[in-house]
N, C-alpha and C. Protein backbone atom coordinates (compact mmCIF):
# COMPACT_ATOMS: atom_id res chain seq x y z
N UNK A 1 23.67 39.41 0.47
CA UNK A 1 23.69 38.02 0.69
C UNK A 1 24.22 37.27 -0.57
N UNK A 2 25.11 36.16 -0.40
CA UNK A 2 25.32 35.38 -1.59
C UNK A 2 25.29 33.96 -1.10
N UNK A 3 25.33 33.14 -2.13
CA UNK A 3 25.15 31.80 -1.71
C UNK A 3 25.87 31.01 -3.00
N UNK A 4 26.37 29.81 -2.76
CA UNK A 4 26.81 28.99 -3.71
C UNK A 4 25.83 28.09 -4.41
N UNK A 5 25.91 28.04 -5.79
CA UNK A 5 24.85 27.28 -6.47
C UNK A 5 24.93 25.84 -6.04
N UNK A 6 26.14 25.44 -5.59
CA UNK A 6 26.28 24.01 -5.22
C UNK A 6 25.38 23.77 -3.87
N UNK A 7 25.04 24.74 -3.14
CA UNK A 7 24.14 24.49 -1.93
C UNK A 7 22.73 24.53 -2.26
N UNK A 8 22.33 24.65 -3.57
CA UNK A 8 20.85 24.64 -4.09
C UNK A 8 20.43 23.19 -4.47
N UNK A 9 19.67 22.56 -3.77
CA UNK A 9 19.23 21.20 -3.97
C UNK A 9 17.79 21.10 -4.69
N UNK A 10 17.67 20.99 -6.08
CA UNK A 10 16.39 20.96 -6.63
C UNK A 10 15.75 19.59 -6.39
N UNK A 11 14.52 19.40 -6.27
CA UNK A 11 13.81 18.22 -6.15
C UNK A 11 12.47 18.25 -6.77
N UNK A 12 11.89 17.09 -7.09
CA UNK A 12 10.63 16.98 -7.80
C UNK A 12 9.80 15.90 -7.07
N UNK A 13 8.60 15.68 -7.51
CA UNK A 13 7.77 14.50 -6.98
C UNK A 13 7.51 13.56 -8.10
N UNK A 14 7.04 12.34 -7.69
CA UNK A 14 6.71 11.46 -8.49
C UNK A 14 5.18 11.50 -9.05
N UNK A 15 4.83 10.80 -10.12
CA UNK A 15 3.32 10.74 -10.49
C UNK A 15 2.51 10.23 -9.24
N UNK A 16 2.93 9.22 -8.60
CA UNK A 16 2.14 8.75 -7.46
C UNK A 16 1.93 9.67 -6.40
N UNK A 17 3.10 10.51 -6.04
CA UNK A 17 3.02 11.53 -5.22
C UNK A 17 2.04 12.67 -5.44
N UNK A 18 2.09 13.03 -6.61
CA UNK A 18 1.11 14.18 -7.18
C UNK A 18 -0.34 13.59 -7.18
N UNK A 19 -0.53 12.33 -7.53
CA UNK A 19 -1.90 11.81 -7.55
C UNK A 19 -2.36 11.68 -6.04
N UNK A 20 -1.55 11.46 -5.08
CA UNK A 20 -2.01 11.49 -3.74
C UNK A 20 -2.13 12.75 -3.22
N UNK A 21 -1.29 13.73 -3.42
CA UNK A 21 -1.20 15.10 -3.02
C UNK A 21 -2.59 15.84 -3.45
N UNK A 22 -2.90 15.59 -4.74
CA UNK A 22 -4.13 16.37 -5.27
C UNK A 22 -5.44 15.48 -5.46
N UNK A 23 -5.32 14.23 -4.72
CA UNK A 23 -6.53 13.25 -5.05
C UNK A 23 -6.95 13.11 -6.29
N UNK A 24 -5.99 12.99 -7.16
CA UNK A 24 -6.28 12.75 -8.73
C UNK A 24 -6.81 11.38 -8.89
N UNK A 25 -7.99 11.24 -9.58
CA UNK A 25 -8.54 9.98 -10.03
C UNK A 25 -8.11 9.70 -11.45
N UNK A 26 -8.45 8.50 -11.81
CA UNK A 26 -7.92 8.00 -13.16
C UNK A 26 -8.62 8.80 -14.20
N UNK A 27 -9.84 9.30 -14.07
CA UNK A 27 -10.56 10.26 -14.93
C UNK A 27 -9.84 11.50 -15.10
N UNK A 28 -9.04 11.95 -13.98
CA UNK A 28 -8.31 13.32 -14.11
C UNK A 28 -7.35 13.12 -15.10
N UNK A 29 -6.76 12.04 -15.41
CA UNK A 29 -5.68 11.88 -16.27
C UNK A 29 -6.01 12.30 -17.76
N UNK A 30 -7.42 12.38 -18.09
CA UNK A 30 -7.99 12.85 -19.43
C UNK A 30 -8.07 14.32 -19.52
N UNK A 31 -7.89 14.96 -18.33
CA UNK A 31 -8.08 16.43 -18.28
C UNK A 31 -6.80 17.07 -18.58
N UNK A 32 -6.90 18.49 -18.93
CA UNK A 32 -5.71 19.26 -19.11
C UNK A 32 -5.32 19.88 -17.91
N UNK A 33 -4.13 20.01 -17.41
CA UNK A 33 -3.71 20.61 -16.09
C UNK A 33 -2.78 21.57 -16.38
N UNK A 34 -2.87 22.71 -15.87
CA UNK A 34 -1.93 23.79 -16.02
C UNK A 34 -1.04 23.76 -14.87
N UNK A 35 0.30 23.65 -15.28
CA UNK A 35 1.50 23.69 -14.26
C UNK A 35 2.03 24.96 -14.20
N UNK A 36 2.02 25.68 -13.00
CA UNK A 36 2.55 26.88 -12.77
C UNK A 36 3.52 26.64 -11.67
N UNK A 37 4.76 27.09 -11.94
CA UNK A 37 6.01 27.02 -11.07
C UNK A 37 6.22 25.57 -10.85
N UNK A 38 6.22 24.66 -11.90
CA UNK A 38 6.59 23.33 -11.85
C UNK A 38 8.08 22.93 -11.23
N UNK A 39 8.85 23.92 -11.40
CA UNK A 39 10.23 23.91 -10.95
C UNK A 39 10.93 22.75 -11.78
N UNK A 40 11.87 21.98 -10.99
CA UNK A 40 12.72 21.02 -11.76
C UNK A 40 11.81 19.60 -12.11
N UNK A 41 10.61 19.67 -11.52
CA UNK A 41 9.79 18.46 -11.82
C UNK A 41 9.36 18.50 -13.32
N UNK A 42 9.52 17.34 -13.87
CA UNK A 42 8.88 17.08 -15.24
C UNK A 42 7.70 16.38 -15.35
N UNK A 43 6.85 16.20 -14.21
CA UNK A 43 5.80 15.32 -14.21
C UNK A 43 4.64 15.86 -15.14
N UNK A 44 4.43 17.12 -15.12
CA UNK A 44 3.33 17.62 -16.04
C UNK A 44 3.49 17.33 -17.48
N UNK A 45 4.85 17.64 -17.93
CA UNK A 45 5.19 17.22 -19.40
C UNK A 45 5.22 15.92 -19.66
N UNK A 46 5.75 15.03 -18.73
CA UNK A 46 5.76 13.56 -19.00
C UNK A 46 4.30 13.01 -19.04
N UNK A 47 3.38 13.59 -18.19
CA UNK A 47 2.11 13.10 -18.21
C UNK A 47 1.34 13.49 -19.43
N UNK A 48 1.58 14.66 -19.86
CA UNK A 48 1.04 15.16 -20.96
C UNK A 48 1.42 14.23 -22.33
N UNK A 49 2.72 14.11 -22.36
CA UNK A 49 3.29 13.29 -23.50
C UNK A 49 2.70 11.83 -23.52
N UNK A 50 2.50 11.19 -22.36
CA UNK A 50 2.05 9.95 -22.24
C UNK A 50 0.61 9.67 -22.66
N UNK A 51 -0.16 10.88 -22.82
CA UNK A 51 -1.56 10.91 -23.27
C UNK A 51 -2.32 10.91 -22.22
């Protein structure tokens, strides 16, 4: 089976979507979160850099 790379559409979620999806409270922003298989999403890295 073969496919064209042009047919692959990566996507990610916003911080608000992750907060809602995982019921993250403001206090959770002080914790370290392990991202496994984050894909094209940069949320974990962005959140870590923001402190």
